Amino acid sequence: MGMIAGVVLTLALFAFIFWPERNPFQQADKTRVDYLRERKDTIYENLRDLNFEYLAGKYPEQDYADQRAGLEDEAARVIAEMELLEARGMVSRRKA
């Protein structure tokens, strides 16, 4: 009896893990604003990592300042483009 239960549980587990989505070929529609939000989050994460590594002594002052300035410039460009697109009404179509 225990072996049958184990086999059924194993089959149910495999079915749960490998069961295909309703439509595996359909991708989520991402707008430019969605892409820019993801890029902004990545840049902010890189800034946090850079700051941590600088405080840990892995970067000299000049390298830290150069990399930080580059990341801040890129973040400013991304945010400016996001604001421009949102002002034009090209916000993402989020599903509630």
N, C-alpha and C. Protein backbone atom coordinates (compact mmCIF):
# COMPACT_ATOMS: atom_id res chain seq x y z
N MET A 1 0.82 -1.19 0.00
CA MET A 1 0.00 0.00 0.00
C MET A 1 0.87 1.26 0.00
N GLY A 2 1.92 1.22 0.79
CA GLY A 2 2.82 2.37 0.85
C GLY A 2 3.56 2.58 -0.46
N MET A 3 3.87 1.50 -1.15
CA MET A 3 4.57 1.62 -2.43
C MET A 3 3.66 2.24 -3.48
N ILE A 4 2.39 1.89 -3.48
CA ILE A 4 1.43 2.48 -4.43
C ILE A 4 1.30 3.96 -4.16
N ALA A 5 1.21 4.34 -2.90
CA ALA A 5 1.11 5.75 -2.55
C ALA A 5 2.36 6.51 -3.00
N GLY A 6 3.53 5.90 -2.85
CA GLY A 6 4.77 6.54 -3.28
C GLY A 6 4.82 6.72 -4.78
N VAL A 7 4.36 5.73 -5.53
CA VAL A 7 4.34 5.83 -6.99
C VAL A 7 3.36 6.91 -7.43
N VAL A 8 2.18 6.94 -6.83
CA VAL A 8 1.18 7.97 -7.17
C VAL A 8 1.72 9.35 -6.84
N LEU A 9 2.34 9.49 -5.69
CA LEU A 9 2.92 10.79 -5.29
C LEU A 9 4.02 11.21 -6.26
N THR A 10 4.85 10.26 -6.68
CA THR A 10 5.93 10.57 -7.62
C THR A 10 5.37 11.00 -8.97
N LEU A 11 4.35 10.30 -9.46
CA LEU A 11 3.72 10.67 -10.72
C LEU A 11 3.06 12.05 -10.63
N ALA A 12 2.40 12.32 -9.51
CA ALA A 12 1.77 13.63 -9.31
C ALA A 12 2.84 14.73 -9.27
N LEU A 13 3.95 14.45 -8.66
CA LEU A 13 5.04 15.43 -8.59
C LEU A 13 5.59 15.73 -9.98
N PHE A 14 5.84 14.70 -10.77
CA PHE A 14 6.34 14.91 -12.13
C PHE A 14 5.32 15.66 -12.99
N ALA A 15 4.04 15.31 -12.83
CA ALA A 15 3.00 16.01 -13.59
C ALA A 15 2.96 17.48 -13.20
N PHE A 16 3.10 17.77 -11.92
CA PHE A 16 3.07 19.16 -11.46
C PHE A 16 4.27 19.94 -11.99
N ILE A 17 5.44 19.34 -11.96
CA ILE A 17 6.66 20.04 -12.37
C ILE A 17 6.71 20.24 -13.88
N PHE A 18 6.35 19.23 -14.63
CA PHE A 18 6.55 19.28 -16.07
C PHE A 18 5.28 19.55 -16.88
N TRP A 19 4.18 19.85 -16.24
CA TRP A 19 2.94 20.13 -16.96
C TRP A 19 3.10 21.41 -17.76
N PRO A 20 2.79 21.40 -19.05
CA PRO A 20 2.99 22.61 -19.87
C PRO A 20 1.99 23.71 -19.51
N GLU A 21 2.42 24.92 -19.76
CA GLU A 21 1.54 26.07 -19.57
C GLU A 21 0.37 25.96 -20.55
N ARG A 22 -0.61 26.83 -20.41
CA ARG A 22 -1.74 26.80 -21.33
C ARG A 22 -1.29 27.00 -22.76
N ASN A 23 -0.42 27.97 -22.97
CA ASN A 23 0.12 28.22 -24.29
C ASN A 23 1.59 28.56 -24.13
N PRO A 24 2.47 27.58 -24.27
CA PRO A 24 3.89 27.84 -24.00
C PRO A 24 4.56 28.74 -25.04
N PHE A 25 3.91 28.95 -26.19
CA PHE A 25 4.52 29.74 -27.24
C PHE A 25 4.16 31.21 -27.15
N GLN A 26 3.27 31.56 -26.25
CA GLN A 26 2.87 32.94 -26.09
C GLN A 26 3.76 33.61 -25.05
N GLN A 27 4.37 34.70 -25.43
CA GLN A 27 5.23 35.43 -24.51
C GLN A 27 4.48 36.63 -23.97
N ALA A 28 4.87 37.04 -22.79
CA ALA A 28 4.26 38.22 -22.20
C ALA A 28 4.67 39.45 -22.99
N ASP A 29 3.71 40.32 -23.25
CA ASP A 29 4.01 41.55 -23.96
C ASP A 29 4.68 42.53 -23.01
N LYS A 30 5.85 42.98 -23.40
CA LYS A 30 6.58 43.96 -22.59
C LYS A 30 6.69 45.23 -23.40
N THR A 31 6.38 46.32 -22.74
CA THR A 31 6.52 47.61 -23.39
C THR A 31 7.93 48.15 -23.14
N ARG A 32 8.24 49.21 -23.81
CA ARG A 32 9.55 49.85 -23.62
C ARG A 32 9.69 50.34 -22.18
N VAL A 33 8.60 50.81 -21.59
CA VAL A 33 8.65 51.29 -20.21
C VAL A 33 8.96 50.14 -19.26
N ASP A 34 8.38 48.96 -19.50
CA ASP A 34 8.68 47.80 -18.67
C ASP A 34 10.16 47.44 -18.76
N TYR A 35 10.69 47.45 -19.97
CA TYR A 35 12.12 47.18 -20.15
C TYR A 35 12.96 48.22 -19.39
N LEU A 36 12.58 49.48 -19.48
CA LEU A 36 13.35 50.54 -18.81
C LEU A 36 13.26 50.41 -17.29
N ARG A 37 12.12 49.98 -16.78
CA ARG A 37 12.01 49.76 -15.32
C ARG A 37 12.96 48.67 -14.87
N GLU A 38 13.02 47.59 -15.63
CA GLU A 38 13.95 46.51 -15.30
C GLU A 38 15.39 47.00 -15.37
N ARG A 39 15.70 47.78 -16.39
CA ARG A 39 17.06 48.30 -16.55
C ARG A 39 17.42 49.22 -15.39
N LYS A 40 16.48 50.07 -14.96
CA LYS A 40 16.71 50.97 -13.83
C LYS A 40 17.00 50.17 -12.56
N ASP A 41 16.21 49.13 -12.32
CA ASP A 41 16.44 48.29 -11.14
C ASP A 41 17.82 47.65 -11.18
N THR A 42 18.24 47.21 -12.36
CA THR A 42 19.56 46.60 -12.51
C THR A 42 20.67 47.62 -12.24
N ILE A 43 20.50 48.83 -12.74
CA ILE A 43 21.51 49.87 -12.52
C ILE A 43 21.62 50.20 -11.03
N TYR A 44 20.46 50.31 -10.36
CA TYR A 44 20.49 50.61 -8.92
C TYR A 44 21.17 49.48 -8.14
N GLU A 45 20.91 48.25 -8.55
CA GLU A 45 21.57 47.12 -7.89
C GLU A 45 23.08 47.17 -8.12
N ASN A 46 23.49 47.54 -9.33
CA ASN A 46 24.92 47.67 -9.63
C ASN A 46 25.55 48.79 -8.80
N LEU A 47 24.82 49.88 -8.61
CA LEU A 47 25.34 50.96 -7.76
C LEU A 47 25.52 50.50 -6.31
N ARG A 48 24.56 49.74 -5.80
CA ARG A 48 24.69 49.22 -4.43
C ARG A 48 25.89 48.28 -4.31
N ASP A 49 26.05 47.41 -5.32
CA ASP A 49 27.19 46.49 -5.30
C ASP A 49 28.51 47.24 -5.39
N LEU A 50 28.55 48.25 -6.25
CA LEU A 50 29.77 49.05 -6.40
C LEU A 50 30.12 49.74 -5.09
N ASN A 51 29.13 50.31 -4.43
CA ASN A 51 29.36 50.99 -3.17
C ASN A 51 29.87 50.01 -2.10
N PHE A 52 29.26 48.82 -2.04
CA PHE A 52 29.70 47.81 -1.08
C PHE A 52 31.15 47.40 -1.34
N GLU A 53 31.49 47.16 -2.61
CA GLU A 53 32.84 46.72 -2.94
C GLU A 53 33.86 47.84 -2.70
N TYR A 54 33.46 49.08 -2.91
CA TYR A 54 34.36 50.20 -2.62
C TYR A 54 34.64 50.28 -1.12
N LEU A 55 33.56 50.13 -0.32
CA LEU A 55 33.74 50.18 1.13
C LEU A 55 34.55 48.99 1.64
N ALA A 56 34.52 47.89 0.90
CA ALA A 56 35.31 46.71 1.27
C ALA A 56 36.77 46.87 0.84
N GLY A 57 37.08 47.93 0.10
CA GLY A 57 38.45 48.19 -0.30
C GLY A 57 38.87 47.54 -1.60
N LYS A 58 37.92 47.13 -2.42
CA LYS A 58 38.26 46.45 -3.67
C LYS A 58 38.54 47.42 -4.82
N TYR A 59 38.14 48.68 -4.69
CA TYR A 59 38.33 49.66 -5.75
C TYR A 59 39.08 50.87 -5.23
N PRO A 60 40.02 51.39 -6.01
CA PRO A 60 40.63 52.68 -5.64
C PRO A 60 39.61 53.81 -5.86
N GLU A 61 39.88 54.93 -5.24
CA GLU A 61 38.97 56.08 -5.26
C GLU A 61 38.61 56.51 -6.68
N GLN A 62 39.60 56.62 -7.56
CA GLN A 62 39.35 57.11 -8.92
C GLN A 62 38.48 56.13 -9.72
N ASP A 63 38.77 54.82 -9.63
CA ASP A 63 37.95 53.83 -10.34
C ASP A 63 36.52 53.86 -9.84
N TYR A 64 36.35 53.95 -8.53
CA TYR A 64 35.02 54.01 -7.95
C TYR A 64 34.26 55.23 -8.47
N ALA A 65 34.91 56.37 -8.47
CA ALA A 65 34.26 57.61 -8.92
C ALA A 65 33.88 57.51 -10.40
N ASP A 66 34.75 56.95 -11.23
CA ASP A 66 34.46 56.82 -12.66
C ASP A 66 33.29 55.87 -12.91
N GLN A 67 33.32 54.73 -12.25
CA GLN A 67 32.24 53.76 -12.45
C GLN A 67 30.92 54.28 -11.91
N ARG A 68 30.97 54.94 -10.77
CA ARG A 68 29.74 55.49 -10.20
C ARG A 68 29.16 56.57 -11.10
N ALA A 69 30.01 57.42 -11.63
CA ALA A 69 29.52 58.48 -12.53
C ALA A 69 28.89 57.87 -13.78
N GLY A 70 29.50 56.84 -14.33
CA GLY A 70 28.94 56.18 -15.50
C GLY A 70 27.58 55.56 -15.22
N LEU A 71 27.45 54.88 -14.08
CA LEU A 71 26.18 54.27 -13.72
C LEU A 71 25.11 55.33 -13.44
N GLU A 72 25.50 56.42 -12.78
CA GLU A 72 24.53 57.48 -12.50
C GLU A 72 24.07 58.16 -13.79
N ASP A 73 24.98 58.35 -14.76
CA ASP A 73 24.60 58.93 -16.04
C ASP A 73 23.62 58.02 -16.78
N GLU A 74 23.91 56.72 -16.75
CA GLU A 74 23.02 55.77 -17.42
C GLU A 74 21.64 55.75 -16.74
N ALA A 75 21.62 55.79 -15.43
CA ALA A 75 20.34 55.83 -14.70
C ALA A 75 19.55 57.08 -15.04
N ALA A 76 20.24 58.20 -15.16
CA ALA A 76 19.56 59.45 -15.51
C ALA A 76 18.94 59.36 -16.91
N ARG A 77 19.67 58.76 -17.86
CA ARG A 77 19.13 58.60 -19.22
C ARG A 77 17.90 57.69 -19.22
N VAL A 78 17.98 56.61 -18.48
CA VAL A 78 16.86 55.66 -18.42
C VAL A 78 15.64 56.33 -17.80
N ILE A 79 15.82 57.03 -16.70
CA ILE A 79 14.70 57.69 -16.03
C ILE A 79 14.11 58.78 -16.91
N ALA A 80 14.95 59.52 -17.60
CA ALA A 80 14.44 60.56 -18.50
C ALA A 80 13.60 59.96 -19.62
N GLU A 81 14.06 58.84 -20.19
CA GLU A 81 13.28 58.20 -21.25
C GLU A 81 11.97 57.64 -20.71
N MET A 82 12.01 57.08 -19.49
CA MET A 82 10.78 56.58 -18.88
C MET A 82 9.77 57.70 -18.69
N GLU A 83 10.23 58.84 -18.17
CA GLU A 83 9.33 59.96 -17.95
C GLU A 83 8.77 60.48 -19.25
N LEU A 84 9.58 60.51 -20.29
CA LEU A 84 9.11 60.96 -21.60
C LEU A 84 8.03 60.03 -22.15
N LEU A 85 8.26 58.73 -22.06
CA LEU A 85 7.28 57.77 -22.56
C LEU A 85 5.99 57.81 -21.74
N GLU A 86 6.13 57.95 -20.42
CA GLU A 86 4.94 58.01 -19.58
C GLU A 86 4.16 59.29 -19.83
N ALA A 87 4.85 60.38 -20.12
CA ALA A 87 4.17 61.64 -20.42
C ALA A 87 3.41 61.53 -21.74
N ARG A 88 3.91 60.74 -22.66
CA ARG A 88 3.23 60.54 -23.95
C ARG A 88 2.09 59.53 -23.84
N GLY A 89 1.96 58.91 -22.68
CA GLY A 89 0.87 57.96 -22.48
C GLY A 89 1.19 56.55 -22.90
N MET A 90 2.47 56.23 -23.00
CA MET A 90 2.87 54.90 -23.43
C MET A 90 3.22 54.04 -22.21
N VAL A 91 2.34 54.05 -21.21
CA VAL A 91 2.60 53.26 -20.01
C VAL A 91 2.32 51.79 -20.29
N SER A 92 2.78 50.96 -19.41
CA SER A 92 2.62 49.51 -19.62
C SER A 92 1.18 49.09 -19.40
N ARG A 93 0.84 48.00 -20.04
CA ARG A 93 -0.49 47.42 -19.90
C ARG A 93 -0.40 46.33 -18.85
N ARG A 94 -0.54 46.70 -17.60
CA ARG A 94 -0.41 45.73 -16.52
C ARG A 94 -1.76 45.06 -16.28
N LYS A 95 -1.68 43.76 -15.98
CA LYS A 95 -2.89 43.01 -15.66
C LYS A 95 -3.06 43.01 -14.16
N ALA A 96 -4.24 43.40 -13.72
CA ALA A 96 -4.50 43.50 -12.28
C ALA A 96 -4.76 42.15 -11.67
